[in-house]
Amino acid sequence: MNILLINTASREALVALIHDGHILGQKSWFSDRTLGRQLLESIDEVLKEAGLERGGIDRIAVHRGPGHYSALRTGIVTASALAWALGCELVEVGADNFEEIITETVNNTPVVVVKPQYD
């Protein structure tokens, strides 16, 4: 299963591609007003580096927070729209450390709506 992880819950945004619990690629950066553009570009970069098309994504995981309103909304809306457009599962994660986040991306039950937690 190929899982795209989007985490905009902290100042350092992250996109990662996970296959069967192993990280195939990731990119992180300090987010600013250009988060939306950088997020989409980073998703494309991580997929390209892994040799995967968007259609090869089976599940999208997004961090629900807590975090800054604008950054969380950007990540959640991007994840939700991509999941809907690609017809793949959407899951929300909320762990604090990266290892637990990876576990949640694989094990959490798919949702229809992600409920953000703001600072």
Protein backbone atom coordinates (compact mmCIF):
# COMPACT_ATOMS: atom_id res chain seq x y z
CA MET A 1 0.00 0.00 0.00
CA ASN A 2 1.34 3.42 -1.00
CA ILE A 3 0.51 6.13 1.53
CA LEU A 4 1.07 9.85 1.13
CA LEU A 5 1.54 11.60 4.48
CA ILE A 6 0.90 15.34 4.82
CA ASN A 7 1.82 17.08 8.06
CA THR A 8 1.29 20.83 8.33
CA ALA A 9 0.56 20.78 12.07
CA SER A 10 3.92 22.27 13.06
CA ARG A 11 6.15 25.05 11.77
CA GLU A 12 8.10 22.44 9.81
CA ALA A 13 5.80 21.00 7.14
CA LEU A 14 6.37 17.46 5.92
CA VAL A 15 5.37 15.28 2.99
CA ALA A 16 6.34 11.61 2.99
CA LEU A 17 5.64 8.61 0.81
CA ILE A 18 5.29 5.36 2.72
CA HIS A 19 5.08 1.86 1.27
CA ASP A 20 4.24 -1.03 3.60
CA GLY A 21 5.44 0.95 6.62
CA HIS A 22 8.76 1.98 5.02
CA ILE A 23 9.57 5.53 3.98
CA LEU A 24 10.27 5.76 0.24
CA GLY A 25 10.86 9.49 0.29
CA GLN A 26 10.17 12.62 2.24
CA LYS A 27 10.58 16.37 2.13
CA SER A 28 10.30 18.91 4.92
CA TRP A 29 10.55 22.69 4.99
CA PHE A 30 9.68 25.62 7.21
CA SER A 31 6.25 26.79 6.14
CA ASP A 32 5.32 30.38 5.40
CA ARG A 33 2.68 32.16 3.32
CA THR A 34 3.55 29.99 0.34
CA LEU A 35 2.63 26.75 2.15
CA GLY A 36 -0.10 25.78 -0.33
CA ARG A 37 2.17 26.09 -3.36
CA GLN A 38 5.10 24.45 -1.60
CA LEU A 39 2.89 21.61 -0.43
CA LEU A 40 1.71 20.71 -3.92
CA GLU A 41 5.23 21.06 -5.36
CA SER A 42 6.65 18.87 -2.57
CA ILE A 43 4.05 16.17 -3.16
CA ASP A 44 4.97 16.08 -6.84
CA GLU A 45 8.70 15.98 -6.03
CA VAL A 46 8.38 13.10 -3.55
CA LEU A 47 6.23 11.10 -5.98
CA LYS A 48 8.59 11.77 -8.89
CA GLU A 49 11.65 10.71 -6.86
CA ALA A 50 9.89 7.45 -5.98
CA GLY A 51 8.81 6.87 -9.58
CA LEU A 52 5.13 6.91 -8.64
CA GLU A 53 2.21 8.70 -10.28
CA ARG A 54 -0.58 10.26 -8.22
CA GLY A 55 -2.84 7.42 -9.31
CA GLY A 56 -0.54 4.99 -7.49
CA ILE A 57 -1.49 6.42 -4.09
CA ASP A 58 -3.79 4.09 -2.12
CA ARG A 59 -4.21 6.19 1.02
CA ILE A 60 -3.59 9.75 2.14
CA ALA A 61 -2.87 10.50 5.78
CA VAL A 62 -3.03 14.02 7.18
CA HIS A 63 -2.11 15.34 10.63
CA ARG A 64 -5.13 16.84 12.39
CA GLY A 65 -3.11 18.96 14.84
CA PRO A 66 -3.06 20.74 17.14
CA GLY A 67 -1.60 23.45 15.01
CA HIS A 68 -2.04 26.88 13.46
CA TYR A 69 -5.42 27.39 11.78
CA SER A 70 -4.21 28.35 8.30
CA ALA A 71 -1.51 25.70 8.08
CA LEU A 72 -3.81 22.90 9.29
CA ARG A 73 -6.57 23.92 6.90
CA THR A 74 -4.10 23.95 4.01
CA GLY A 75 -2.93 20.42 4.77
CA ILE A 76 -6.38 19.02 5.49
CA VAL A 77 -8.03 20.57 2.42
CA THR A 78 -5.19 19.40 0.17
CA ALA A 79 -5.33 15.85 1.56
CA SER A 80 -9.14 15.71 1.36
CA ALA A 81 -9.28 17.03 -2.19
CA LEU A 82 -6.55 14.66 -3.41
CA ALA A 83 -8.19 11.66 -1.71
CA TRP A 84 -11.51 12.50 -3.29
CA ALA A 85 -10.02 13.15 -6.75
CA LEU A 86 -7.91 9.98 -6.68
CA GLY A 87 -10.58 7.80 -5.08
CA CYS A 88 -8.28 6.69 -2.28
CA GLU A 89 -8.66 6.35 1.49
CA LEU A 90 -8.25 9.34 3.79
CA VAL A 91 -7.00 8.90 7.36
CA GLU A 92 -6.22 11.38 10.10
CA VAL A 93 -3.21 11.07 12.37
CA GLY A 94 -2.39 12.92 15.57
CA ALA A 95 0.73 11.42 17.12
CA ASP A 96 3.61 13.61 18.22
CA ASN A 97 6.62 11.58 17.10
CA PHE A 98 7.38 10.41 13.59
CA GLU A 99 7.44 6.66 14.33
CA GLU A 100 3.96 6.80 15.87
CA ILE A 101 2.70 8.90 12.96
CA ILE A 102 3.92 6.22 10.52
CA THR A 103 2.12 3.53 12.55
CA GLU A 104 -1.09 5.59 12.51
CA THR A 105 -0.88 6.14 8.73
CA VAL A 106 -0.98 2.39 8.24
CA ASN A 107 -3.39 1.35 11.02
CA ASN A 108 -5.97 4.13 11.42
CA THR A 109 -9.46 3.62 10.03
CA PRO A 110 -10.38 5.74 6.98
CA VAL A 111 -12.54 8.80 7.61
CA VAL A 112 -14.82 10.94 5.48
CA VAL A 113 -14.01 14.20 7.26
CA VAL A 114 -10.87 15.19 9.17
CA LYS A 115 -11.61 17.06 12.39
CA PRO A 116 -8.83 19.62 12.95
CA GLN A 117 -7.49 20.50 16.38
CA TYR A 118 -6.31 24.09 16.57
CA ASP A 119 -3.81 25.65 18.97
